[in-house]
Amino acid sequence: MKISNVPAKDAMELIKKEPIAMIAIGSVEYHGAQAPLGTDYIIPDYIVNELSMREDILALPPIPYGNCQSIKDFPGTINIGTENLIRVMNSIVDSLLKHGIKKFIFVNGHGGNIAALDQVGLDTYEKGGLIATIDWWNLAKLLNPDYDGGHGDIQETSVAMAVDEKSVNLAYCEPLQINDLSDKITNKYISLLNYKNGNVKIVRSFKDVVSNGWIGPYDPKNSTKELGERILKDVIQYINEFIDDFKLVKKFYINGIL
């Protein structure tokens, strides 16, 4: 059930049954010239919308803004920072905890949000609640190696096409241009760099790393709606199965006490 799309009385009746509250969190940021700025919230919102058909799910409106500090130099990007995201998410969770909801699922679409959502998860646990956070793009890679991807490459672009094909224009795709830190210290991903047989994390402005705004192992020009549909189907099936077992969790430790 979508909390914002039903009569208040119906929503209140569901809340009495202690459903799992589900929230999509993302960002508005640059994903290469070909992909929509809302990629990171459009995709998790689609996933939550599909799962909102369940009678044990209370789906909340999506949070479209996130922490985009490293990519804020690209036009169209909106950054609210980590602290603001923590405040917003804690306020939402606290409101629902007050009315008896104990379990939450965050469907996250943006890597920059992870630190904030981890903090909200711990804050909520200490208040007697439990949050499961699912980063859909990382989940997809684990479900099938064919679903591997990076930022704005074939994975995200294909899934964006599956959600709304008109939001993507593959004619705008630009070649990958990585500005490595040096000949010996090269970028594996945005802030993960290769050095000899190991990796080192060095945080730089995203625009200084990749001037075209996307990075990943597979070129977005090869994106297809069909690939995106397969990814979405498998991710949604996985989360469906997770919900079945997550709702069976009856007891968990709070400050060391069961």
Protein backbone atom coordinates (compact mmCIF):
# COMPACT_ATOMS: atom_id res chain seq x y z
CA MET A 1 0.00 0.00 0.00
CA LYS A 2 1.19 3.50 -0.81
CA ILE A 3 0.71 5.68 2.25
CA SER A 4 0.05 8.78 0.15
CA ASN A 5 -2.43 7.22 -2.30
CA VAL A 6 -5.15 5.76 -0.07
CA PRO A 7 -7.73 7.14 2.38
CA ALA A 8 -6.15 7.90 5.74
CA LYS A 9 -8.37 5.37 7.49
CA ASP A 10 -7.07 2.55 5.28
CA ALA A 11 -3.46 3.58 5.95
CA MET A 12 -4.11 3.68 9.70
CA GLU A 13 -5.63 0.20 9.63
CA LEU A 14 -2.53 -1.17 7.90
CA ILE A 15 -0.20 0.59 10.34
CA LYS A 16 -1.99 -1.22 13.21
CA LYS A 17 -0.81 -4.49 11.63
CA GLU A 18 2.85 -3.34 11.83
CA PRO A 19 3.76 -3.59 8.14
CA ILE A 20 7.28 -3.10 6.85
CA ALA A 21 7.77 0.51 5.77
CA MET A 22 9.61 0.79 2.48
CA ILE A 23 11.30 3.92 1.18
CA ALA A 24 13.20 4.61 -2.06
CA ILE A 25 16.19 6.92 -1.63
CA GLY A 26 18.30 8.30 -4.44
CA SER A 27 19.72 11.51 -5.81
CA VAL A 28 19.48 14.02 -8.62
CA GLU A 29 22.86 14.01 -10.31
CA TYR A 30 24.74 13.66 -13.58
CA HIS A 31 24.99 10.15 -15.05
CA GLY A 32 26.56 10.93 -18.38
CA ALA A 33 24.90 12.92 -21.14
CA GLN A 34 22.58 10.06 -22.14
CA ALA A 35 20.87 9.22 -18.84
CA PRO A 36 18.29 11.14 -16.77
CA LEU A 37 19.43 13.22 -13.82
CA GLY A 38 16.93 11.35 -11.67
CA THR A 39 18.36 7.89 -12.44
CA ASP A 40 19.26 7.20 -8.81
CA TYR A 41 15.77 7.76 -7.44
CA ILE A 42 13.66 6.79 -10.47
CA ILE A 43 14.95 3.21 -10.35
CA PRO A 44 14.46 2.51 -6.61
CA ASP A 45 11.08 4.24 -6.76
CA TYR A 46 10.04 1.84 -9.52
CA ILE A 47 11.18 -1.10 -7.40
CA VAL A 48 9.24 0.14 -4.36
CA ASN A 49 6.18 0.82 -6.49
CA GLU A 50 6.19 -2.80 -7.71
CA LEU A 51 6.52 -4.11 -4.15
CA SER A 52 3.84 -1.77 -2.80
CA MET A 53 1.23 -4.22 -4.13
CA ARG A 54 2.01 -6.44 -1.14
CA GLU A 55 -0.40 -6.24 1.81
CA ASP A 56 2.49 -6.26 4.31
CA ILE A 57 4.30 -3.26 2.79
CA LEU A 58 3.65 0.40 3.57
CA ALA A 59 5.35 2.28 0.74
CA LEU A 60 6.36 5.87 1.37
CA PRO A 61 7.01 8.58 -1.25
CA PRO A 62 10.60 8.55 -2.53
CA ILE A 63 13.41 10.75 -1.26
CA PRO A 64 14.86 12.16 -4.50
CA TYR A 65 17.79 14.09 -3.00
CA GLY A 66 20.98 12.72 -1.50
CA ASN A 67 24.63 13.34 -0.73
CA CYS A 68 26.26 14.29 -4.05
CA GLN A 69 29.22 16.28 -2.82
CA SER A 70 31.80 14.58 -5.05
CA ILE A 71 29.72 15.06 -8.21
CA LYS A 72 28.20 18.46 -7.44
CA ASP A 73 30.34 20.22 -10.07
CA PHE A 74 28.30 18.64 -12.87
CA PRO A 75 25.31 20.75 -13.96
CA GLY A 76 21.91 19.61 -12.76
CA THR A 77 23.26 17.86 -9.67
CA ILE A 78 21.51 18.70 -6.39
CA ASN A 79 23.47 18.02 -3.21
CA ILE A 80 21.93 18.06 0.27
CA GLY A 81 24.93 16.46 2.00
CA THR A 82 25.24 13.61 4.44
CA GLU A 83 24.11 15.41 7.58
CA ASN A 84 20.93 16.73 6.01
CA LEU A 85 20.07 13.29 4.64
CA ILE A 86 20.58 11.79 8.10
CA ARG A 87 18.25 14.38 9.62
CA VAL A 88 15.54 13.82 7.02
CA MET A 89 15.65 10.02 7.22
CA ASN A 90 15.77 9.97 11.02
CA SER A 91 12.76 12.30 11.13
CA ILE A 92 10.78 10.03 8.81
CA VAL A 93 11.68 6.90 10.73
CA ASP A 94 11.00 8.51 14.11
CA SER A 95 7.53 9.53 12.95
CA LEU A 96 6.68 5.95 12.01
CA LEU A 97 8.31 4.42 15.10
CA LYS A 98 6.01 6.60 17.19
CA HIS A 99 3.00 4.92 15.60
CA GLY A 100 4.25 1.37 16.05
CA ILE A 101 6.17 0.50 12.89
CA LYS A 102 9.37 -1.34 13.79
CA LYS A 103 10.83 -2.55 10.50
CA PHE A 104 11.98 -0.59 7.49
CA ILE A 105 13.52 -1.33 4.11
CA PHE A 106 15.51 1.38 2.37
CA VAL A 107 15.91 0.76 -1.36
CA ASN A 108 18.91 2.91 -2.18
CA GLY A 109 20.02 4.03 -5.63
CA HIS A 110 23.05 6.18 -4.84
CA GLY A 111 26.45 5.25 -3.41
CA GLY A 112 26.92 8.66 -1.81
CA ASN A 113 24.00 7.90 0.51
CA ILE A 114 25.48 4.78 2.07
CA ALA A 115 27.25 6.43 5.02
CA ALA A 116 24.11 8.40 5.95
CA LEU A 117 21.83 5.38 5.72
CA ASP A 118 24.21 3.30 7.83
CA GLN A 119 24.03 5.96 10.54
CA VAL A 120 20.23 6.07 10.37
CA GLY A 121 20.18 2.28 10.63
CA LEU A 122 22.20 2.35 13.84
CA ASP A 123 20.19 5.27 15.27
CA THR A 124 16.96 3.37 14.56
CA TYR A 125 18.25 0.14 16.09
CA GLU A 126 19.03 1.96 19.32
CA LYS A 127 15.42 3.21 19.37
CA GLY A 128 13.97 -0.27 18.97
CA GLY A 129 13.62 -0.49 15.20
CA LEU A 130 15.36 -2.39 12.44
CA ILE A 131 16.37 -1.11 9.00
CA ALA A 132 17.44 -3.24 6.05
CA THR A 133 19.18 -1.23 3.33
CA ILE A 134 19.39 -2.62 -0.18
CA ASP A 135 21.69 -0.92 -2.70
CA TRP A 136 20.01 -2.24 -5.83
CA TRP A 137 23.00 -1.86 -8.17
CA ASN A 138 25.31 -3.84 -5.88
CA LEU A 139 22.62 -6.46 -5.36
CA ALA A 140 22.22 -6.84 -9.13
CA LYS A 141 25.93 -7.58 -9.59
CA LEU A 142 25.75 -10.33 -6.99
CA LEU A 143 22.68 -11.91 -8.52
CA ASN A 144 24.24 -12.19 -11.97
CA PRO A 145 27.72 -11.18 -13.21
CA ASP A 146 26.07 -10.08 -16.46
CA TYR A 147 24.47 -7.27 -14.47
CA ASP A 148 27.80 -5.70 -13.50
CA GLY A 149 28.17 -1.97 -13.94
CA GLY A 150 29.39 1.35 -12.64
CA HIS A 151 28.10 4.91 -12.58
CA GLY A 152 26.03 5.81 -15.62
CA ASP A 153 27.32 2.90 -17.68
CA ILE A 154 25.39 0.03 -19.28
CA GLN A 155 23.83 -1.17 -16.01
CA GLU A 156 22.16 2.03 -14.83
CA THR A 157 21.38 3.26 -18.34
CA SER A 158 19.69 -0.02 -19.27
CA VAL A 159 17.58 -0.05 -16.12
CA ALA A 160 16.62 3.59 -16.66
CA MET A 161 15.48 2.57 -20.16
CA ALA A 162 13.39 -0.24 -18.69
CA VAL A 163 11.68 2.18 -16.32
CA ASP A 164 11.17 4.96 -18.89
CA GLU A 165 12.72 4.44 -22.31
CA LYS A 166 12.07 8.05 -23.33
CA SER A 167 14.26 9.32 -20.46
CA VAL A 168 17.41 7.97 -22.18
CA ASN A 169 19.00 9.06 -25.45
CA LEU A 170 21.84 6.76 -26.49
CA ALA A 171 22.78 9.17 -29.28
CA TYR A 172 24.19 11.42 -26.55
CA CYS A 173 26.65 8.80 -25.28
CA GLU A 174 30.21 10.01 -24.95
CA PRO A 175 33.42 7.95 -24.73
CA LEU A 176 34.90 7.14 -21.35
CA GLN A 177 37.67 9.57 -20.39
CA ILE A 178 39.44 8.70 -17.14
CA ASN A 179 41.95 11.18 -15.75
CA ASP A 180 44.22 8.86 -13.77
CA LEU A 181 46.11 10.31 -10.84
CA SER A 182 49.41 9.20 -12.38
CA ASP A 183 50.89 6.56 -14.65
CA LYS A 184 51.34 4.22 -11.70
CA ILE A 185 48.24 5.16 -9.67
CA THR A 186 45.19 4.62 -11.88
CA ASN A 187 41.46 4.85 -11.25
CA LYS A 188 39.56 1.58 -10.99
CA TYR A 189 36.37 3.41 -10.07
CA ILE A 190 35.39 6.87 -8.81
CA SER A 191 37.56 6.94 -5.69
CA LEU A 192 39.05 3.43 -5.77
CA LEU A 193 42.46 3.39 -7.41
CA ASN A 194 44.81 0.64 -8.51
CA TYR A 195 48.38 0.59 -7.25
CA LYS A 196 50.51 -2.48 -7.94
CA ASN A 197 48.58 -5.51 -6.66
CA GLY A 198 46.30 -3.56 -4.30
CA ASN A 199 43.78 -0.75 -4.13
CA VAL A 200 43.89 2.65 -2.48
CA LYS A 201 40.98 5.01 -1.85
CA ILE A 202 41.61 8.61 -2.90
CA VAL A 203 38.61 10.93 -2.99
CA ARG A 204 38.57 13.60 -5.68
CA SER A 205 35.90 15.63 -7.41
CA PHE A 206 34.07 13.29 -9.78
CA LYS A 207 34.49 15.78 -12.62
CA ASP A 208 38.27 15.64 -12.21
CA VAL A 209 38.19 11.84 -12.50
CA VAL A 210 35.84 11.46 -15.47
CA SER A 211 35.04 14.57 -17.48
CA ASN A 212 32.08 12.94 -19.25
CA GLY A 213 30.33 11.99 -16.03
CA TRP A 214 30.19 8.19 -16.30
CA ILE A 215 32.52 5.39 -15.35
CA GLY A 216 32.26 1.63 -15.44
CA PRO A 217 33.35 -1.55 -17.15
CA TYR A 218 30.74 -1.41 -19.93
CA ASP A 219 29.91 1.40 -22.36
CA PRO A 220 26.40 2.87 -21.99
CA LYS A 221 26.07 3.05 -25.79
CA ASN A 222 25.37 -0.70 -25.67
CA SER A 223 22.51 -0.33 -23.18
CA THR A 224 19.20 -2.07 -23.90
CA LYS A 225 15.75 -1.97 -22.41
CA GLU A 226 15.76 -5.78 -22.34
CA LEU A 227 18.83 -5.94 -20.11
CA GLY A 228 17.25 -3.43 -17.77
CA GLU A 229 14.05 -5.45 -17.57
CA ARG A 230 15.97 -8.60 -16.65
CA ILE A 231 17.85 -6.78 -13.92
CA LEU A 232 14.68 -5.30 -12.46
CA LYS A 233 12.88 -8.64 -12.53
CA ASP A 234 15.65 -10.43 -10.62
CA VAL A 235 16.18 -7.61 -8.11
CA ILE A 236 12.46 -7.38 -7.35
CA GLN A 237 12.16 -11.15 -6.98
CA TYR A 238 15.07 -11.17 -4.53
CA ILE A 239 13.57 -8.38 -2.42
CA ASN A 240 10.19 -10.11 -2.46
CA GLU A 241 11.78 -13.22 -0.99
CA PHE A 242 13.74 -11.16 1.53
CA ILE A 243 10.55 -9.48 2.76
CA ASP A 244 9.00 -12.89 3.46
CA ASP A 245 11.84 -13.79 5.83
CA PHE A 246 12.47 -10.29 7.21
CA LYS A 247 8.91 -10.00 8.49
CA LEU A 248 9.35 -13.26 10.43
CA VAL A 249 12.09 -11.70 12.56
CA LYS A 250 10.33 -11.25 15.90
CA LYS A 251 13.14 -10.45 18.31
CA PHE A 252 16.44 -8.64 18.06
CA TYR A 253 18.89 -7.25 20.54
CA ILE A 254 18.64 -3.64 21.74
CA ASN A 255 21.66 -2.48 23.72
CA GLY A 256 22.58 -6.09 24.41
CA ILE A 257 19.12 -7.09 25.65
CA LEU A 258 16.92 -9.49 23.67
